């Protein structure tokens, strides 16, 4: 990848966090930050926004969080509002499965 193409991505950090959570519902904020390439504070803000929007639900289990992804929730932007969170997750997972 060239340096100019590394400066942006088709998916937002919100989508990246959501996709990582869908892969590992017990993932830590620290691991999310490392995987997405953002700060732990940014991850916590995004998790709060995803929770507030109803895309995920946080459940405290001891000292850790467990996340549930609400796959039935429709995406927010009018261009993709006919699709759900589950559609997005499935699309990305299928891409990974096809690449293997």
Protein backbone atom coordinates (compact mmCIF):
# COMPACT_ATOMS: atom_id res chain seq x y z
CA UNK A 1 0.00 0.00 0.00
CA UNK A 2 1.37 3.42 -0.84
CA UNK A 3 1.48 6.20 1.70
CA UNK A 4 -1.24 8.21 -0.07
CA UNK A 5 -3.65 5.27 -0.07
CA UNK A 6 -2.99 4.60 3.63
CA UNK A 7 -4.36 8.00 4.65
CA UNK A 8 -8.02 7.01 4.29
CA UNK A 9 -10.27 3.98 4.41
CA UNK A 10 -13.64 3.02 2.96
CA UNK A 11 -14.98 2.12 6.41
CA UNK A 12 -15.05 4.40 9.43
CA UNK A 13 -13.48 3.69 12.81
CA UNK A 14 -17.02 3.05 14.05
CA UNK A 15 -17.38 0.26 11.49
CA UNK A 16 -13.95 -1.13 12.38
CA UNK A 17 -14.80 -1.25 16.09
CA UNK A 18 -18.17 -2.85 15.35
CA UNK A 19 -16.59 -5.49 13.11
CA UNK A 20 -13.93 -6.32 15.70
CA UNK A 21 -16.59 -6.64 18.40
CA UNK A 22 -18.65 -8.92 16.15
CA UNK A 23 -15.60 -11.18 15.77
CA UNK A 24 -14.83 -11.23 19.51
CA UNK A 25 -17.65 -10.10 21.84
CA UNK A 26 -15.25 -10.19 24.81
CA UNK A 27 -12.53 -8.05 23.21
CA UNK A 28 -10.89 -5.45 25.46
CA UNK A 29 -10.73 -1.74 24.76
CA UNK A 30 -6.97 -2.03 24.63
CA UNK A 31 -7.11 -4.77 21.97
CA UNK A 32 -9.69 -2.82 19.98
CA UNK A 33 -7.43 0.23 20.02
CA UNK A 34 -4.51 -1.83 18.74
CA UNK A 35 -6.56 -3.55 16.04
CA UNK A 36 -8.20 -0.37 14.75
CA UNK A 37 -5.15 1.84 15.21
CA UNK A 38 -6.75 4.48 17.40
CA UNK A 39 -6.49 5.47 21.06
CA UNK A 40 -8.28 3.67 23.88
CA UNK A 41 -10.14 6.91 24.60
CA UNK A 42 -11.40 7.01 20.99
CA UNK A 43 -12.51 3.38 21.26
CA UNK A 44 -14.42 4.12 24.48
CA UNK A 45 -16.15 7.08 22.77
CA UNK A 46 -17.08 4.94 19.76
CA UNK A 47 -18.37 2.11 21.97
CA UNK A 48 -20.54 4.64 23.81
CA UNK A 49 -21.91 5.98 20.54
CA UNK A 50 -22.57 2.49 19.15
CA UNK A 51 -24.32 1.58 22.41
CA UNK A 52 -26.39 4.77 22.39
CA UNK A 53 -27.40 4.14 18.77
CA UNK A 54 -28.52 0.60 19.64
CA UNK A 55 -25.92 -1.15 17.44
CA UNK A 56 -24.34 -2.89 20.43
CA UNK A 57 -25.16 -3.59 24.04
CA UNK A 58 -22.57 -3.72 26.82
CA UNK A 59 -22.92 -6.17 29.68
CA UNK A 60 -20.52 -5.99 32.58
CA UNK A 61 -19.06 -9.39 33.50
CA UNK A 62 -16.78 -8.97 36.48
CA UNK A 63 -14.08 -6.51 35.50
CA UNK A 64 -14.71 -6.90 31.77
CA UNK A 65 -17.39 -6.08 29.24
CA UNK A 66 -19.22 -8.47 26.96
CA UNK A 67 -20.77 -6.99 23.84
CA UNK A 68 -23.86 -8.04 21.93
CA UNK A 69 -24.19 -6.80 18.35
CA UNK A 70 -27.74 -5.95 17.32
CA UNK A 71 -27.61 -7.27 13.78
CA UNK A 72 -31.18 -6.24 12.98
CA UNK A 73 -30.48 -2.50 13.35
CA UNK A 74 -30.59 -0.61 10.06
CA UNK A 75 -27.53 1.43 9.08
CA UNK A 76 -27.86 5.17 9.62
CA UNK A 77 -26.89 6.85 6.36
CA UNK A 78 -29.67 7.16 3.71
CA UNK A 79 -27.43 5.50 1.08
CA UNK A 80 -27.22 2.26 3.07
CA UNK A 81 -30.30 2.55 5.31
CA UNK A 82 -31.90 -0.39 3.48
CA UNK A 83 -29.16 -2.61 4.97
CA UNK A 84 -28.62 -3.80 8.53
CA UNK A 85 -25.65 -4.07 10.83
CA UNK A 86 -25.80 -7.82 10.20
CA UNK A 87 -25.57 -7.24 6.45
CA UNK A 88 -22.38 -5.20 6.96
CA UNK A 89 -20.82 -7.79 9.25
CA UNK A 90 -21.73 -10.62 6.89
CA UNK A 91 -20.35 -8.77 3.86
CA UNK A 92 -16.97 -8.26 5.51
CA UNK A 93 -16.84 -11.81 6.91
CA UNK A 94 -17.65 -13.26 3.48
CA UNK A 95 -14.83 -11.22 2.02
CA UNK A 96 -12.41 -12.72 4.54
CA UNK A 97 -13.74 -16.24 3.95
CA UNK A 98 -13.37 -15.87 0.19
CA UNK A 99 -9.80 -14.56 0.57
CA UNK A 100 -8.67 -17.64 2.51
